[in-house]
Amino acid sequence: LKVYPNDPLADSARYELALLLVRGGQNARAERLLDQIAGASGSSLKEPAHFLRCRIKMDLGKRQAARQCYHSFLKRHPSSPHVDRTRQTLRDLGDKQ
């Protein structure tokens, strides 16, 4: 990633690395990688990266940040396969959608 940050496979590598970092409890590093994917134009991984960012916030107990993230997710990715899970999570957070 350092040598070829704009390679067509770079976002895929960032996402896979972020998943490993989350599993290892290194959420801050994972979020930085996911933010890079979010800033990439045309990346096919924007939707799963956004969803993972929301899950990280939830796992860290940042309920308000997670709520905002999930609302943003629904707005940006209304056709995502994660929509139902996102809506359920928002209901669990007290939203009355």
PDB file of N, CA and C in Angstrom:
ATOM      1  N   LEU A   1       0.821  -1.206   0.000  1.00  0.00           N
ATOM      2  CA  LEU A   1       0.000   0.000   0.000  1.00  0.00           C
ATOM      3  C   LEU A   1       0.860   1.263   0.000  1.00  0.00           C
ATOM      4  N   LYS A   2       1.987   1.197   0.666  1.00  0.00           N
ATOM      5  CA  LYS A   2       2.850   2.373   0.682  1.00  0.00           C
ATOM      6  C   LYS A   2       3.497   2.614  -0.677  1.00  0.00           C
ATOM      7  N   VAL A   3       3.872   1.539  -1.348  1.00  0.00           N
ATOM      8  CA  VAL A   3       4.555   1.666  -2.632  1.00  0.00           C
ATOM      9  C   VAL A   3       3.573   1.964  -3.759  1.00  0.00           C
ATOM     10  N   TYR A   4       2.400   1.329  -3.719  1.00  0.00           N
ATOM     11  CA  TYR A   4       1.404   1.484  -4.789  1.00  0.00           C
ATOM     12  C   TYR A   4       0.031   1.866  -4.208  1.00  0.00           C
ATOM     13  N   PRO A   5      -0.074   3.032  -3.606  1.00  0.00           N
ATOM     14  CA  PRO A   5      -1.338   3.408  -2.956  1.00  0.00           C
ATOM     15  C   PRO A   5      -2.517   3.585  -3.909  1.00  0.00           C
ATOM     16  N   ASN A   6      -2.245   3.790  -5.187  1.00  0.00           N
ATOM     17  CA  ASN A   6      -3.324   4.003  -6.156  1.00  0.00           C
ATOM     18  C   ASN A   6      -3.553   2.806  -7.070  1.00  0.00           C
ATOM     19  N   ASP A   7      -2.925   1.705  -6.750  1.00  0.00           N
ATOM     20  CA  ASP A   7      -3.111   0.483  -7.535  1.00  0.00           C
ATOM     21  C   ASP A   7      -4.585   0.084  -7.497  1.00  0.00           C
ATOM     22  N   PRO A   8      -5.103  -0.480  -8.570  1.00  0.00           N
ATOM     23  CA  PRO A   8      -6.514  -0.889  -8.576  1.00  0.00           C
ATOM     24  C   PRO A   8      -6.884  -1.857  -7.450  1.00  0.00           C
ATOM     25  N   LEU A   9      -5.920  -2.581  -6.923  1.00  0.00           N
ATOM     26  CA  LEU A   9      -6.197  -3.521  -5.830  1.00  0.00           C
ATOM     27  C   LEU A   9      -5.949  -2.925  -4.441  1.00  0.00           C
ATOM     28  N   ALA A  10      -5.536  -1.670  -4.385  1.00  0.00           N
ATOM     29  CA  ALA A  10      -5.184  -1.056  -3.103  1.00  0.00           C
ATOM     30  C   ALA A  10      -6.371  -1.000  -2.142  1.00  0.00           C
ATOM     31  N   ASP A  11      -7.550  -0.635  -2.628  1.00  0.00           N
ATOM     32  CA  ASP A  11      -8.705  -0.561  -1.732  1.00  0.00           C
ATOM     33  C   ASP A  11      -9.090  -1.934  -1.202  1.00  0.00           C
ATOM     34  N   SER A  12      -8.937  -2.952  -2.023  1.00  0.00           N
ATOM     35  CA  SER A  12      -9.208  -4.314  -1.567  1.00  0.00           C
ATOM     36  C   SER A  12      -8.232  -4.698  -0.451  1.00  0.00           C
ATOM     37  N   ALA A  13      -6.983  -4.357  -0.634  1.00  0.00           N
ATOM     38  CA  ALA A  13      -5.979  -4.643   0.393  1.00  0.00           C
ATOM     39  C   ALA A  13      -6.271  -3.844   1.662  1.00  0.00           C
ATOM     40  N   ARG A  14      -6.664  -2.591   1.512  1.00  0.00           N
ATOM     41  CA  ARG A  14      -7.015  -1.769   2.677  1.00  0.00           C
ATOM     42  C   ARG A  14      -8.183  -2.384   3.452  1.00  0.00           C
ATOM     43  N   TYR A  15      -9.192  -2.827   2.729  1.00  0.00           N
ATOM     44  CA  TYR A  15     -10.369  -3.394   3.378  1.00  0.00           C
ATOM     45  C   TYR A  15     -10.012  -4.690   4.118  1.00  0.00           C
ATOM     46  N   GLU A  16      -9.282  -5.567   3.470  1.00  0.00           N
ATOM     47  CA  GLU A  16      -8.886  -6.824   4.113  1.00  0.00           C
ATOM     48  C   GLU A  16      -8.007  -6.561   5.332  1.00  0.00           C
ATOM     49  N   LEU A  17      -7.105  -5.610   5.219  1.00  0.00           N
ATOM     50  CA  LEU A  17      -6.259  -5.250   6.352  1.00  0.00           C
ATOM     51  C   LEU A  17      -7.098  -4.660   7.480  1.00  0.00           C
ATOM     52  N   ALA A  18      -8.075  -3.844   7.136  1.00  0.00           N
ATOM     53  CA  ALA A  18      -8.964  -3.265   8.160  1.00  0.00           C
ATOM     54  C   ALA A  18      -9.710  -4.365   8.908  1.00  0.00           C
ATOM     55  N   LEU A  19     -10.186  -5.381   8.185  1.00  0.00           N
ATOM     56  CA  LEU A  19     -10.866  -6.502   8.846  1.00  0.00           C
ATOM     57  C   LEU A  19      -9.936  -7.198   9.836  1.00  0.00           C
ATOM     58  N   LEU A  20      -8.698  -7.411   9.427  1.00  0.00           N
ATOM     59  CA  LEU A  20      -7.726  -8.051  10.321  1.00  0.00           C
ATOM     60  C   LEU A  20      -7.423  -7.178  11.533  1.00  0.00           C
ATOM     61  N   LEU A  21      -7.310  -5.881  11.307  1.00  0.00           N
ATOM     62  CA  LEU A  21      -7.045  -4.965  12.409  1.00  0.00           C
ATOM     63  C   LEU A  21      -8.202  -4.944  13.409  1.00  0.00           C
ATOM     64  N   VAL A  22      -9.430  -4.984  12.908  1.00  0.00           N
ATOM     65  CA  VAL A  22     -10.597  -5.015  13.794  1.00  0.00           C
ATOM     66  C   VAL A  22     -10.548  -6.284  14.645  1.00  0.00           C
ATOM     67  N   ARG A  23     -10.270  -7.396  14.016  1.00  0.00           N
ATOM     68  CA  ARG A  23     -10.182  -8.666  14.756  1.00  0.00           C
ATOM     69  C   ARG A  23      -9.089  -8.615  15.808  1.00  0.00           C
ATOM     70  N   GLY A  24      -8.046  -7.847  15.543  1.00  0.00           N
ATOM     71  CA  GLY A  24      -6.942  -7.706  16.485  1.00  0.00           C
ATOM     72  C   GLY A  24      -7.125  -6.571  17.476  1.00  0.00           C
ATOM     73  N   GLY A  25      -8.288  -5.918  17.431  1.00  0.00           N
ATOM     74  CA  GLY A  25      -8.570  -4.841  18.377  1.00  0.00           C
ATOM     75  C   GLY A  25      -7.920  -3.511  18.048  1.00  0.00           C
ATOM     76  N   GLN A  26      -7.434  -3.366  16.852  1.00  0.00           N
ATOM     77  CA  GLN A  26      -6.786  -2.113  16.450  1.00  0.00           C
ATOM     78  C   GLN A  26      -7.746  -1.276  15.611  1.00  0.00           C
ATOM     79  N   ASN A  27      -8.818  -0.859  16.258  1.00  0.00           N
ATOM     80  CA  ASN A  27      -9.906  -0.175  15.562  1.00  0.00           C
ATOM     81  C   ASN A  27      -9.506   1.172  14.972  1.00  0.00           C
ATOM     82  N   ALA A  28      -8.670   1.922  15.661  1.00  0.00           N
ATOM     83  CA  ALA A  28      -8.277   3.244  15.155  1.00  0.00           C
ATOM     84  C   ALA A  28      -7.519   3.104  13.833  1.00  0.00           C
ATOM     85  N   ARG A  29      -6.616   2.146  13.764  1.00  0.00           N
ATOM     86  CA  ARG A  29      -5.883   1.921  12.513  1.00  0.00           C
ATOM     87  C   ARG A  29      -6.821   1.451  11.418  1.00  0.00           C
ATOM     88  N   ALA A  30      -7.774   0.587  11.787  1.00  0.00           N
ATOM     89  CA  ALA A  30      -8.749   0.110  10.802  1.00  0.00           C
ATOM     90  C   ALA A  30      -9.576   1.268  10.263  1.00  0.00           C
ATOM     91  N   GLU A  31     -10.019   2.153  11.148  1.00  0.00           N
ATOM     92  CA  GLU A  31     -10.832   3.296  10.700  1.00  0.00           C
ATOM     93  C   GLU A  31     -10.069   4.188   9.735  1.00  0.00           C
ATOM     94  N   ARG A  32      -8.780   4.380   9.952  1.00  0.00           N
ATOM     95  CA  ARG A  32      -7.984   5.203   9.030  1.00  0.00           C
ATOM     96  C   ARG A  32      -7.969   4.586   7.635  1.00  0.00           C
ATOM     97  N   LEU A  33      -7.826   3.264   7.572  1.00  0.00           N
ATOM     98  CA  LEU A  33      -7.846   2.599   6.263  1.00  0.00           C
ATOM     99  C   LEU A  33      -9.214   2.713   5.604  1.00  0.00           C
ATOM    100  N   LEU A  34     -10.257   2.548   6.402  1.00  0.00           N
ATOM    101  CA  LEU A  34     -11.616   2.646   5.866  1.00  0.00           C
ATOM    102  C   LEU A  34     -11.911   4.061   5.394  1.00  0.00           C
ATOM    103  N   ASP A  35     -11.369   5.049   6.083  1.00  0.00           N
ATOM    104  CA  ASP A  35     -11.534   6.440   5.644  1.00  0.00           C
ATOM    105  C   ASP A  35     -10.876   6.662   4.281  1.00  0.00           C
ATOM    106  N   GLN A  36      -9.753   6.000   4.052  1.00  0.00           N
ATOM    107  CA  GLN A  36      -9.088   6.126   2.751  1.00  0.00           C
ATOM    108  C   GLN A  36      -9.963   5.540   1.647  1.00  0.00           C
ATOM    109  N   ILE A  37     -10.631   4.438   1.940  1.00  0.00           N
ATOM    110  CA  ILE A  37     -11.539   3.845   0.952  1.00  0.00           C
ATOM    111  C   ILE A  37     -12.705   4.787   0.693  1.00  0.00           C
ATOM    112  N   ALA A  38     -13.231   5.381   1.757  1.00  0.00           N
ATOM    113  CA  ALA A  38     -14.363   6.306   1.616  1.00  0.00           C
ATOM    114  C   ALA A  38     -14.003   7.496   0.735  1.00  0.00           C
ATOM    115  N   GLY A  39     -12.751   7.912   0.776  1.00  0.00           N
ATOM    116  CA  GLY A  39     -12.314   9.056  -0.016  1.00  0.00           C
ATOM    117  C   GLY A  39     -11.950   8.712  -1.445  1.00  0.00           C
ATOM    118  N   ALA A  40     -11.880   7.441  -1.758  1.00  0.00           N
ATOM    119  CA  ALA A  40     -11.509   7.020  -3.113  1.00  0.00           C
ATOM    120  C   ALA A  40     -12.709   7.145  -4.039  1.00  0.00           C
ATOM    121  N   SER A  41     -12.482   7.711  -5.199  1.00  0.00           N
ATOM    122  CA  SER A  41     -13.591   7.847  -6.137  1.00  0.00           C
ATOM    123  C   SER A  41     -13.817   6.537  -6.872  1.00  0.00           C
ATOM    124  N   GLY A  42     -15.049   6.134  -6.923  1.00  0.00           N
ATOM    125  CA  GLY A  42     -15.416   4.954  -7.687  1.00  0.00           C
ATOM    126  C   GLY A  42     -15.066   3.615  -7.065  1.00  0.00           C
ATOM    127  N   SER A  43     -14.662   3.589  -5.818  1.00  0.00           N
ATOM    128  CA  SER A  43     -14.306   2.318  -5.193  1.00  0.00           C
ATOM    129  C   SER A  43     -15.548   1.466  -4.974  1.00  0.00           C
ATOM    130  N   SER A  44     -15.458   0.210  -5.351  1.00  0.00           N
ATOM    131  CA  SER A  44     -16.584  -0.711  -5.146  1.00  0.00           C
ATOM    132  C   SER A  44     -16.700  -1.132  -3.680  1.00  0.00           C
ATOM    133  N   LEU A  45     -15.740  -0.729  -2.872  1.00  0.00           N
ATOM    134  CA  LEU A  45     -15.744  -1.115  -1.460  1.00  0.00           C
ATOM    135  C   LEU A  45     -16.244  -0.017  -0.534  1.00  0.00           C
ATOM    136  N   LYS A  46     -16.751   1.070  -1.095  1.00  0.00           N
ATOM    137  CA  LYS A  46     -17.250   2.154  -0.247  1.00  0.00           C
ATOM    138  C   LYS A  46     -18.374   1.678   0.673  1.00  0.00           C
ATOM    139  N   GLU A  47     -19.297   0.905   0.130  1.00  0.00           N
ATOM    140  CA  GLU A  47     -20.445   0.445   0.926  1.00  0.00           C
ATOM    141  C   GLU A  47     -20.011  -0.477   2.066  1.00  0.00           C
ATOM    142  N   PRO A  48     -19.245  -1.551   1.803  1.00  0.00           N
ATOM    143  CA  PRO A  48     -18.846  -2.393   2.927  1.00  0.00           C
ATOM    144  C   PRO A  48     -17.909  -1.676   3.910  1.00  0.00           C
ATOM    145  N   ALA A  49     -17.090  -0.767   3.397  1.00  0.00           N
ATOM    146  CA  ALA A  49     -16.204  -0.008   4.284  1.00  0.00           C
ATOM    147  C   ALA A  49     -17.002   0.902   5.205  1.00  0.00           C
ATOM    148  N   HIS A  50     -18.021   1.530   4.677  1.00  0.00           N
ATOM    149  CA  HIS A  50     -18.880   2.406   5.481  1.00  0.00           C
ATOM    150  C   HIS A  50     -19.587   1.587   6.564  1.00  0.00           C
ATOM    151  N   PHE A  51     -20.110   0.432   6.183  1.00  0.00           N
ATOM    152  CA  PHE A  51     -20.806  -0.419   7.147  1.00  0.00           C
ATOM    153  C   PHE A  51     -19.849  -0.876   8.251  1.00  0.00           C
ATOM    154  N   LEU A  52     -18.641  -1.244   7.885  1.00  0.00           N
ATOM    155  CA  LEU A  52     -17.663  -1.668   8.884  1.00  0.00           C
ATOM    156  C   LEU A  52     -17.303  -0.519   9.819  1.00  0.00           C
ATOM    157  N   ARG A  53     -17.188   0.683   9.297  1.00  0.00           N
ATOM    158  CA  ARG A  53     -16.917   1.856  10.157  1.00  0.00           C
ATOM    159  C   ARG A  53     -18.024   2.018  11.181  1.00  0.00           C
ATOM    160  N   CYS A  54     -19.261   1.830  10.776  1.00  0.00           N
ATOM    161  CA  CYS A  54     -20.380   1.939  11.719  1.00  0.00           C
ATOM    162  C   CYS A  54     -20.301   0.845  12.784  1.00  0.00           C
ATOM    163  N   ARG A  55     -19.991  -0.363  12.360  1.00  0.00           N
ATOM    164  CA  ARG A  55     -19.864  -1.476  13.310  1.00  0.00           C
ATOM    165  C   ARG A  55     -18.759  -1.221  14.316  1.00  0.00           C
ATOM    166  N   ILE A  56     -17.662  -0.643  13.879  1.00  0.00           N
ATOM    167  CA  ILE A  56     -16.554  -0.330  14.787  1.00  0.00           C
ATOM    168  C   ILE A  56     -17.028   0.642  15.853  1.00  0.00           C
ATOM    169  N   LYS A  57     -17.727   1.693  15.422  1.00  0.00           N
ATOM    170  CA  LYS A  57     -18.235   2.674  16.384  1.00  0.00           C
ATOM    171  C   LYS A  57     -19.159   2.008  17.395  1.00  0.00           C
ATOM    172  N   MET A  58     -20.013   1.118  16.925  1.00  0.00           N
ATOM    173  CA  MET A  58     -20.932   0.404  17.802  1.00  0.00           C
ATOM    174  C   MET A  58     -20.163  -0.478  18.785  1.00  0.00           C
ATOM    175  N   ASP A  59     -19.180  -1.207  18.274  1.00  0.00           N
ATOM    176  CA  ASP A  59     -18.381  -2.101  19.122  1.00  0.00           C
ATOM    177  C   ASP A  59     -17.600  -1.335  20.183  1.00  0.00           C
ATOM    178  N   LEU A  60     -17.236  -0.096  19.874  1.00  0.00           N
ATOM    179  CA  LEU A  60     -16.509   0.734  20.839  1.00  0.00           C
ATOM    180  C   LEU A  60     -17.443   1.408  21.852  1.00  0.00           C
ATOM    181  N   GLY A  61     -18.744   1.187  21.677  1.00  0.00           N
ATOM    182  CA  GLY A  61     -19.709   1.787  22.597  1.00  0.00           C
ATOM    183  C   GLY A  61     -20.007   3.251  22.307  1.00  0.00           C
ATOM    184  N   LYS A  62     -19.614   3.718  21.139  1.00  0.00           N
ATOM    185  CA  LYS A  62     -19.879   5.105  20.740  1.00  0.00           C
ATOM    186  C   LYS A  62     -21.250   5.149  20.085  1.00  0.00           C
ATOM    187  N   ARG A  63     -22.281   5.064  20.911  1.00  0.00           N
ATOM    188  CA  ARG A  63     -23.644   4.897  20.423  1.00  0.00           C
ATOM    189  C   ARG A  63     -24.109   6.068  19.550  1.00  0.00           C
ATOM    190  N   GLN A  64     -23.839   7.290  19.944  1.00  0.00           N
ATOM    191  CA  GLN A  64     -24.276   8.438  19.150  1.00  0.00           C
ATOM    192  C   GLN A  64     -23.549   8.487  17.812  1.00  0.00           C
ATOM    193  N   ALA A  65     -22.241   8.236  17.848  1.00  0.00           N
ATOM    194  CA  ALA A  65     -21.467   8.218  16.600  1.00  0.00           C
ATOM    195  C   ALA A  65     -21.935   7.070  15.706  1.00  0.00           C
ATOM    196  N   ALA A  66     -22.248   5.930  16.307  1.00  0.00           N
ATOM    197  CA  ALA A  66     -22.755   4.795  15.530  1.00  0.00           C
ATOM    198  C   ALA A  66     -24.097   5.134  14.907  1.00  0.00           C
ATOM    199  N   ARG A  67     -24.966   5.763  15.681  1.00  0.00           N
ATOM    200  CA  ARG A  67     -26.292   6.157  15.174  1.00  0.00           C
ATOM    201  C   ARG A  67     -26.136   7.071  13.961  1.00  0.00           C
ATOM    202  N   GLN A  68     -25.291   8.071  14.072  1.00  0.00           N
ATOM    203  CA  GLN A  68     -25.068   8.999  12.959  1.00  0.00           C
ATOM    204  C   GLN A  68     -24.481   8.266  11.750  1.00  0.00           C
ATOM    205  N   CYS A  69     -23.551   7.371  12.019  1.00  0.00           N
ATOM    206  CA  CYS A  69     -22.918   6.604  10.947  1.00  0.00           C
ATOM    207  C   CYS A  69     -23.949   5.740  10.223  1.00  0.00           C
ATOM    208  N   TYR A  70     -24.793   5.057  10.986  1.00  0.00           N
ATOM    209  CA  TYR A  70     -25.803   4.197  10.364  1.00  0.00           C
ATOM    210  C   TYR A  70     -26.833   5.008   9.566  1.00  0.00           C
ATOM    211  N   HIS A  71     -27.210   6.179  10.069  1.00  0.00           N
ATOM    212  CA  HIS A  71     -28.134   7.028   9.295  1.00  0.00           C
ATOM    213  C   HIS A  71     -27.486   7.460   7.983  1.00  0.00           C
ATOM    214  N   SER A  72     -26.220   7.836   8.058  1.00  0.00           N
ATOM    215  CA  SER A  72     -25.485   8.216   6.855  1.00  0.00           C
ATOM    216  C   SER A  72     -25.385   7.024   5.898  1.00  0.00           C
ATOM    217  N   PHE A  73     -25.170   5.851   6.447  1.00  0.00           N
ATOM    218  CA  PHE A  73     -25.083   4.638   5.633  1.00  0.00           C
ATOM    219  C   PHE A  73     -26.379   4.410   4.861  1.00  0.00           C
ATOM    220  N   LEU A  74     -27.508   4.514   5.551  1.00  0.00           N
ATOM    221  CA  LEU A  74     -28.803   4.307   4.886  1.00  0.00           C
ATOM    222  C   LEU A  74     -29.038   5.326   3.773  1.00  0.00           C
ATOM    223  N   LYS A  75     -28.615   6.536   4.019  1.00  0.00           N
ATOM    224  CA  LYS A  75     -28.800   7.597   3.025  1.00  0.00           C
ATOM    225  C   LYS A  75     -27.929   7.357   1.788  1.00  0.00           C
ATOM    226  N   ARG A  76     -26.691   6.927   2.007  1.00  0.00           N
ATOM    227  CA  ARG A  76     -25.752   6.756   0.898  1.00  0.00           C
ATOM    228  C   ARG A  76     -25.856   5.408   0.194  1.00  0.00           C
ATOM    229  N   HIS A  77     -26.363   4.409   0.917  1.00  0.00           N
ATOM    230  CA  HIS A  77     -26.387   3.053   0.350  1.00  0.00           C
ATOM    231  C   HIS A  77     -27.764   2.407   0.545  1.00  0.00           C
ATOM    232  N   PRO A  78     -28.813   2.988  -0.004  1.00  0.00           N
ATOM    233  CA  PRO A  78     -30.169   2.484   0.239  1.00  0.00           C
ATOM    234  C   PRO A  78     -30.447   1.095  -0.335  1.00  0.00           C
ATOM    235  N   SER A  79     -29.612   0.627  -1.234  1.00  0.00           N
ATOM    236  CA  SER A  79     -29.815  -0.691  -1.832  1.00  0.00           C
ATOM    237  C   SER A  79     -28.872  -1.750  -1.264  1.00  0.00           C
ATOM    238  N   SER A  80     -28.162  -1.413  -0.224  1.00  0.00           N
ATOM    239  CA  SER A  80     -27.183  -2.327   0.361  1.00  0.00           C
ATOM    240  C   SER A  80     -27.846  -3.576   0.937  1.00  0.00           C
ATOM    241  N   PRO A  81     -27.150  -4.697   0.884  1.00  0.00           N
ATOM    242  CA  PRO A  81     -27.674  -5.890   1.548  1.00  0.00           C
ATOM    243  C   PRO A  81     -27.664  -5.755   3.074  1.00  0.00           C
ATOM    244  N   HIS A  82     -27.027  -4.704   3.578  1.00  0.00           N
ATOM    245  CA  HIS A  82     -26.952  -4.474   5.026  1.00  0.00           C
ATOM    246  C   HIS A  82     -28.050  -3.548   5.540  1.00  0.00           C
ATOM    247  N   VAL A  83     -28.980  -3.156   4.695  1.00  0.00           N
ATOM    248  CA  VAL A  83     -30.014  -2.196   5.086  1.00  0.00           C
ATOM    249  C   VAL A  83     -30.882  -2.730   6.228  1.00  0.00           C
ATOM    250  N   ASP A  84     -31.345  -3.965   6.121  1.00  0.00           N
ATOM    251  CA  ASP A  84     -32.204  -4.511   7.177  1.00  0.00           C
ATOM    252  C   ASP A  84     -31.468  -4.577   8.511  1.00  0.00           C
ATOM    253  N   ARG A  85     -30.238  -5.037   8.463  1.00  0.00           N
ATOM    254  CA  ARG A  85     -29.441  -5.113   9.698  1.00  0.00           C
ATOM    255  C   ARG A  85     -29.200  -3.716  10.277  1.00  0.00           C
ATOM    256  N   THR A  86     -28.960  -2.761   9.397  1.00  0.00           N
ATOM    257  CA  THR A  86     -28.741  -1.383   9.836  1.00  0.00           C
ATOM    258  C   THR A  86     -29.991  -0.824  10.505  1.00  0.00           C
ATOM    259  N   ARG A  87     -31.135  -1.055   9.899  1.00  0.00           N
ATOM    260  CA  ARG A  87     -32.391  -0.566  10.497  1.00  0.00           C
ATOM    261  C   ARG A  87     -32.645  -1.217  11.856  1.00  0.00           C
ATOM    262  N   GLN A  88     -32.349  -2.509  11.964  1.00  0.00           N
ATOM    263  CA  GLN A  88     -32.528  -3.192  13.243  1.00  0.00           C
ATOM    264  C   GLN A  88     -31.588  -2.617  14.301  1.00  0.00           C
ATOM    265  N   THR A  89     -30.367  -2.349  13.918  1.00  0.00           N
ATOM    266  CA  THR A  89     -29.404  -1.763  14.849  1.00  0.00           C
ATOM    267  C   THR A  89     -29.880  -0.391  15.307  1.00  0.00           C
ATOM    268  N   LEU A  90     -30.413   0.399  14.386  1.00  0.00           N
ATOM    269  CA  LEU A  90     -30.930   1.709  14.760  1.00  0.00           C
ATOM    270  C   LEU A  90     -32.108   1.585  15.712  1.00  0.00           C
ATOM    271  N   ARG A  91     -32.970   0.607  15.483  1.00  0.00           N
ATOM    272  CA  ARG A  91     -34.071   0.370  16.430  1.00  0.00           C
ATOM    273  C   ARG A  91     -33.511  -0.021  17.799  1.00  0.00           C
ATOM    274  N   ASP A  92     -32.482  -0.850  17.809  1.00  0.00           N
ATOM    275  CA  ASP A  92     -31.847  -1.245  19.063  1.00  0.00           C
ATOM    276  C   ASP A  92     -31.242  -0.049  19.781  1.00  0.00           C
ATOM    277  N   LEU A  93     -30.833   0.944  19.002  1.00  0.00           N
ATOM    278  CA  LEU A  93     -30.275   2.171  19.566  1.00  0.00           C
ATOM    279  C   LEU A  93     -31.343   3.159  19.996  1.00  0.00           C
ATOM    280  N   GLY A  94     -32.602   2.794  19.787  1.00  0.00           N
ATOM    281  CA  GLY A  94     -33.700   3.645  20.232  1.00  0.00           C
ATOM    282  C   GLY A  94     -34.363   4.467  19.154  1.00  0.00           C
ATOM    283  N   ASP A  95     -33.932   4.319  17.916  1.00  0.00           N
ATOM    284  CA  ASP A  95     -34.592   5.038  16.821  1.00  0.00           C
ATOM    285  C   ASP A  95     -35.931   4.405  16.526  1.00  0.00           C
ATOM    286  N   LYS A  96     -36.886   5.223  16.146  1.00  0.00           N
ATOM    287  CA  LYS A  96     -38.233   4.737  15.804  1.00  0.00           C
ATOM    288  C   LYS A  96     -38.465   4.945  14.322  1.00  0.00           C
ATOM    289  N   GLN A  97     -37.788   4.163  13.526  1.00  0.00           N
ATOM    290  CA  GLN A  97     -37.887   4.321  12.072  1.00  0.00           C
ATOM    291  C   GLN A  97     -39.182   3.791  11.552  1.00  0.00           C
TER     292      GLN A  97
END
